[in-house]
Amino acid sequence: MNQPRMNPAVLRLLVIFPNVLSYILLFGVLIFIATNFAALKQAEALTMWVTIACVLAPMAIYTTYSIVKRIKAGVL
């Protein structure tokens, strides 16, 4: 039985879209930290939000690197 094959453009879109969302989330977290800096510092929550941003940034960058590498290799 033949398995249906997915169009490569659709596959790339399904892989790239969540990566774009991760950058939007990271950007939103950074804007939140910048606009609420004084309140976060006063509530002693600044460390948590900076930690979240520091965890999200390398994850987004590594995912982008991995996707680009797979596209260049012709796998994706």
C-alpha atoms as a PDB file:
ATOM      1  CA  MET A   1       0.000   0.000   0.000  1.00  0.00           C
ATOM      2  CA  ASN A   2       1.343   3.411  -0.970  1.00  0.00           C
ATOM      3  CA  GLN A   3       1.669   5.967   1.782  1.00  0.00           C
ATOM      4  CA  PRO A   4       0.560   9.467   0.842  1.00  0.00           C
ATOM      5  CA  ARG A   5       3.493  11.844   0.548  1.00  0.00           C
ATOM      6  CA  MET A   6       3.378  15.317   2.001  1.00  0.00           C
ATOM      7  CA  ASN A   7       4.249  18.260  -0.196  1.00  0.00           C
ATOM      8  CA  PRO A   8       7.749  19.506   0.808  1.00  0.00           C
ATOM      9  CA  ALA A   9       6.529  23.115   1.008  1.00  0.00           C
ATOM     10  CA  VAL A  10       3.811  22.121   3.487  1.00  0.00           C
ATOM     11  CA  LEU A  11       6.329  20.120   5.505  1.00  0.00           C
ATOM     12  CA  ARG A  12       8.692  23.099   5.689  1.00  0.00           C
ATOM     13  CA  LEU A  13       5.809  25.324   6.759  1.00  0.00           C
ATOM     14  CA  LEU A  14       4.832  22.908   9.531  1.00  0.00           C
ATOM     15  CA  VAL A  15       8.423  22.856  10.782  1.00  0.00           C
ATOM     16  CA  ILE A  16       9.210  26.566  10.431  1.00  0.00           C
ATOM     17  CA  PHE A  17       5.938  27.965  11.844  1.00  0.00           C
ATOM     18  CA  PRO A  18       6.532  26.772  15.450  1.00  0.00           C
ATOM     19  CA  ASN A  19      10.075  28.125  15.241  1.00  0.00           C
ATOM     20  CA  VAL A  20       8.733  31.544  14.268  1.00  0.00           C
ATOM     21  CA  LEU A  21       6.298  31.325  17.181  1.00  0.00           C
ATOM     22  CA  SER A  22       9.195  30.648  19.555  1.00  0.00           C
ATOM     23  CA  TYR A  23      10.900  33.860  18.393  1.00  0.00           C
ATOM     24  CA  ILE A  24       7.646  35.779  18.873  1.00  0.00           C
ATOM     25  CA  LEU A  25       7.373  34.364  22.395  1.00  0.00           C
ATOM     26  CA  LEU A  26      10.987  35.290  23.158  1.00  0.00           C
ATOM     27  CA  PHE A  27      10.426  38.803  21.823  1.00  0.00           C
ATOM     28  CA  GLY A  28       7.294  39.117  23.957  1.00  0.00           C
ATOM     29  CA  VAL A  29       9.147  37.994  27.084  1.00  0.00           C
ATOM     30  CA  LEU A  30      11.901  40.517  26.412  1.00  0.00           C
ATOM     31  CA  ILE A  31       9.358  43.318  25.917  1.00  0.00           C
ATOM     32  CA  PHE A  32       7.586  42.245  29.119  1.00  0.00           C
ATOM     33  CA  ILE A  33      10.850  42.382  31.053  1.00  0.00           C
ATOM     34  CA  ALA A  34      11.750  45.783  29.597  1.00  0.00           C
ATOM     35  CA  THR A  35       8.379  47.375  30.256  1.00  0.00           C
ATOM     36  CA  ASN A  36       7.918  45.934  33.757  1.00  0.00           C
ATOM     37  CA  PHE A  37      11.525  46.051  34.921  1.00  0.00           C
ATOM     38  CA  ALA A  38      10.937  48.119  38.053  1.00  0.00           C
ATOM     39  CA  ALA A  39       7.887  46.122  39.153  1.00  0.00           C
ATOM     40  CA  LEU A  40       9.632  42.784  38.549  1.00  0.00           C
ATOM     41  CA  LYS A  41      12.671  43.968  40.487  1.00  0.00           C
ATOM     42  CA  GLN A  42      10.531  45.157  43.366  1.00  0.00           C
ATOM     43  CA  ALA A  43       8.594  41.873  43.475  1.00  0.00           C
ATOM     44  CA  GLU A  44      11.871  39.914  43.226  1.00  0.00           C
ATOM     45  CA  ALA A  45      10.606  38.146  40.115  1.00  0.00           C
ATOM     46  CA  LEU A  46      13.189  39.584  37.730  1.00  0.00           C
ATOM     47  CA  THR A  47      15.517  36.611  38.130  1.00  0.00           C
ATOM     48  CA  MET A  48      12.809  34.167  37.091  1.00  0.00           C
ATOM     49  CA  TRP A  49      11.877  36.107  33.957  1.00  0.00           C
ATOM     50  CA  VAL A  50      15.500  36.612  32.930  1.00  0.00           C
ATOM     51  CA  THR A  51      16.046  32.872  33.423  1.00  0.00           C
ATOM     52  CA  ILE A  52      13.058  32.121  31.188  1.00  0.00           C
ATOM     53  CA  ALA A  53      14.472  34.409  28.494  1.00  0.00           C
ATOM     54  CA  CYS A  54      17.934  32.837  28.872  1.00  0.00           C
ATOM     55  CA  VAL A  55      16.449  29.375  28.397  1.00  0.00           C
ATOM     56  CA  LEU A  56      14.250  30.318  25.441  1.00  0.00           C
ATOM     57  CA  ALA A  57      16.951  32.125  23.452  1.00  0.00           C
ATOM     58  CA  PRO A  58      19.396  29.209  22.983  1.00  0.00           C
ATOM     59  CA  MET A  59      16.521  26.831  22.294  1.00  0.00           C
ATOM     60  CA  ALA A  60      15.178  29.051  19.518  1.00  0.00           C
ATOM     61  CA  ILE A  61      18.632  29.596  18.035  1.00  0.00           C
ATOM     62  CA  TYR A  62      19.508  25.887  18.089  1.00  0.00           C
ATOM     63  CA  THR A  63      16.177  24.958  16.516  1.00  0.00           C
ATOM     64  CA  THR A  64      16.741  27.476  13.725  1.00  0.00           C
ATOM     65  CA  TYR A  65      20.254  26.136  13.174  1.00  0.00           C
ATOM     66  CA  SER A  66      18.932  22.573  13.027  1.00  0.00           C
ATOM     67  CA  ILE A  67      16.185  23.463  10.557  1.00  0.00           C
ATOM     68  CA  VAL A  68      18.575  25.375   8.285  1.00  0.00           C
ATOM     69  CA  LYS A  69      21.047  22.484   8.388  1.00  0.00           C
ATOM     70  CA  ARG A  70      18.332  19.980   7.421  1.00  0.00           C
ATOM     71  CA  ILE A  71      17.037  22.196   4.609  1.00  0.00           C
ATOM     72  CA  LYS A  72      20.558  22.623   3.187  1.00  0.00           C
ATOM     73  CA  ALA A  73      21.115  18.856   3.394  1.00  0.00           C
ATOM     74  CA  GLY A  74      17.909  18.297   1.440  1.00  0.00           C
ATOM     75  CA  VAL A  75      16.226  16.290   4.174  1.00  0.00           C
ATOM     76  CA  LEU A  76      13.530  18.856   4.761  1.00  0.00           C
END
